Amino acid sequence: MAMLKLAEAARKTGLTTLAKAIRSGRLSASRKEDGSSEIDPAELAQVYPFPAPGEKVAATGPAVRRATPDVTDAELRYRISRAEESLMELKNALEEMRSQRDAWQAMAKAKLVPANRATLSWWRWRRSAG
């Protein structure tokens, strides 16, 4: 397959920021003698997938990866159930951390209570000073 010009690659992917991707190193391009850039279509397709034939390409903005139509309802239900399980685990961990935090706060407050005044007598300080 022939190399693509930057404008052609932008039209195929729907991205207008391909030059930025080249500068950041996410995408490599070769320079021609006239100063324009050429991009290998195979590498471009790996980084920014081309839309399906007949599918509209957004004029601007980042390319959105579209869900494949071969995802079944059973797989989606499985994914939802796994996400709900993860959510419950995270909520339980958060509740446990909150209870531990409260226990630590109670211990810290108990240590901050001023000591008994009987143990802090000022006469010792006066006696040592003079």
Protein backbone atom coordinates (compact mmCIF):
# COMPACT_ATOMS: atom_id res chain seq x y z
CA MET A 1 0.00 0.00 0.00
CA ALA A 2 1.25 3.48 -0.84
CA MET A 3 2.18 5.99 1.80
CA LEU A 4 -0.51 8.51 2.78
CA LYS A 5 -0.13 12.26 2.92
CA LEU A 6 -0.99 13.92 6.21
CA ALA A 7 -4.24 15.38 4.87
CA GLU A 8 -5.35 12.01 3.44
CA ALA A 9 -4.61 10.31 6.74
CA ALA A 10 -6.60 12.96 8.60
CA ARG A 11 -9.56 12.39 6.28
CA LYS A 12 -9.41 8.62 6.76
CA THR A 13 -9.28 8.73 10.54
CA GLY A 14 -11.31 11.86 11.16
CA LEU A 15 -8.46 13.43 13.13
CA THR A 16 -7.03 16.87 12.62
CA THR A 17 -4.27 16.45 15.19
CA LEU A 18 -2.10 13.91 13.40
CA ALA A 19 0.80 16.36 13.25
CA LYS A 20 0.68 16.56 17.06
CA ALA A 21 0.76 12.74 17.28
CA ILE A 22 3.81 12.71 15.01
CA ARG A 23 5.61 15.34 17.11
CA SER A 24 4.86 13.46 20.35
CA GLY A 25 6.16 10.19 18.90
CA ARG A 26 2.93 8.19 18.96
CA LEU A 27 3.04 8.02 15.18
CA SER A 28 6.02 8.03 12.86
CA ALA A 29 6.13 9.81 9.54
CA SER A 30 8.74 10.34 6.86
CA ARG A 31 9.53 13.71 5.32
CA LYS A 32 9.48 14.24 1.59
CA GLU A 33 11.79 16.64 -0.25
CA ASP A 34 9.03 19.25 -0.52
CA GLY A 35 8.61 19.27 3.29
CA SER A 36 5.34 17.35 3.47
CA SER A 37 4.92 14.25 5.62
CA GLU A 38 3.99 10.73 4.59
CA ILE A 39 2.48 8.17 6.94
CA ASP A 40 2.43 4.39 6.61
CA PRO A 41 -1.25 3.35 6.50
CA ALA A 42 -0.60 0.14 8.47
CA GLU A 43 0.91 2.06 11.39
CA LEU A 44 -1.86 4.66 11.20
CA ALA A 45 -4.50 1.92 11.39
CA GLN A 46 -2.84 0.46 14.50
CA VAL A 47 -2.78 3.77 16.34
CA TYR A 48 -6.04 5.26 15.02
CA PRO A 49 -8.40 2.64 13.57
CA PHE A 50 -10.13 3.54 10.33
CA PRO A 51 -13.94 3.72 10.43
CA ALA A 52 -15.90 0.99 8.69
CA PRO A 53 -16.77 1.60 5.02
CA GLY A 54 -19.87 3.73 4.69
CA GLU A 55 -19.55 5.03 8.23
CA LYS A 56 -19.41 8.79 8.64
CA VAL A 57 -16.14 10.31 9.79
CA ALA A 58 -16.29 13.18 12.26
CA ALA A 59 -15.01 16.42 10.78
CA THR A 60 -13.02 17.39 13.86
CA GLY A 61 -12.14 16.06 17.26
CA PRO A 62 -10.54 12.83 18.38
CA ALA A 63 -11.47 9.55 16.81
CA VAL A 64 -13.94 7.57 18.86
CA ARG A 65 -13.48 3.84 18.94
CA ARG A 66 -16.78 2.35 18.00
CA ALA A 67 -18.17 -0.78 19.65
CA THR A 68 -18.03 -3.82 17.43
CA PRO A 69 -21.47 -5.11 16.45
CA ASP A 70 -20.52 -8.72 17.20
CA VAL A 71 -20.71 -8.16 20.97
CA THR A 72 -23.58 -10.30 22.21
CA ASP A 73 -26.11 -9.51 24.90
CA ALA A 74 -24.72 -12.31 27.06
CA GLU A 75 -21.24 -10.78 26.93
CA LEU A 76 -22.62 -7.35 27.80
CA ARG A 77 -24.57 -8.79 30.73
CA TYR A 78 -21.42 -10.56 31.92
CA ARG A 79 -19.44 -7.33 31.71
CA ILE A 80 -22.14 -5.47 33.63
CA SER A 81 -22.21 -8.11 36.37
CA ARG A 82 -18.40 -7.97 36.68
CA ALA A 83 -18.54 -4.18 36.88
CA GLU A 84 -21.19 -4.36 39.60
CA GLU A 85 -19.08 -6.88 41.55
CA SER A 86 -16.07 -4.59 41.29
CA LEU A 87 -18.18 -1.68 42.45
CA MET A 88 -19.38 -3.61 45.50
CA GLU A 89 -15.80 -4.63 46.36
CA LEU A 90 -14.66 -1.02 46.12
CA LYS A 91 -17.55 0.16 48.30
CA ASN A 92 -16.69 -2.46 50.93
CA ALA A 93 -13.02 -1.46 50.87
CA LEU A 94 -13.99 2.21 51.22
CA GLU A 95 -16.23 1.45 54.20
CA GLU A 96 -13.42 -0.55 55.84
CA MET A 97 -10.98 2.33 55.30
CA ARG A 98 -13.45 4.79 56.79
CA SER A 99 -13.88 2.65 59.92
CA GLN A 100 -10.09 2.35 60.27
CA ARG A 101 -9.74 6.10 59.85
CA ASP A 102 -12.33 6.71 62.55
CA ALA A 103 -10.51 4.34 64.91
CA TRP A 104 -7.20 6.11 64.30
CA GLN A 105 -8.83 9.49 64.85
CA ALA A 106 -10.27 8.31 68.17
CA MET A 107 -6.85 7.07 69.29
CA ALA A 108 -5.21 10.35 68.26
CA LYS A 109 -7.80 12.38 70.15
CA ALA A 110 -7.26 10.23 73.24
CA LYS A 111 -3.52 10.99 73.08
CA LEU A 112 -4.14 14.74 72.70
CA VAL A 113 -6.12 15.05 75.92
CA PRO A 114 -4.02 17.17 78.32
CA ALA A 115 -2.20 15.24 81.03
CA ASN A 116 -3.35 15.38 84.62
CA ARG A 117 -2.45 18.73 86.21
CA ALA A 118 -1.13 17.03 89.33
CA THR A 119 1.80 15.62 87.37
CA LEU A 120 2.73 19.01 85.95
CA SER A 121 3.79 21.06 88.91
CA TRP A 122 5.61 24.32 88.41
CA TRP A 123 7.57 24.21 91.62
CA ARG A 124 10.05 21.76 90.08
CA TRP A 125 10.93 24.28 87.44
CA ARG A 126 11.39 27.05 89.95
CA ARG A 127 13.53 24.87 92.19
CA SER A 128 15.89 23.91 89.36
CA ALA A 129 16.20 27.49 88.19
CA GLY A 130 17.17 28.90 91.33
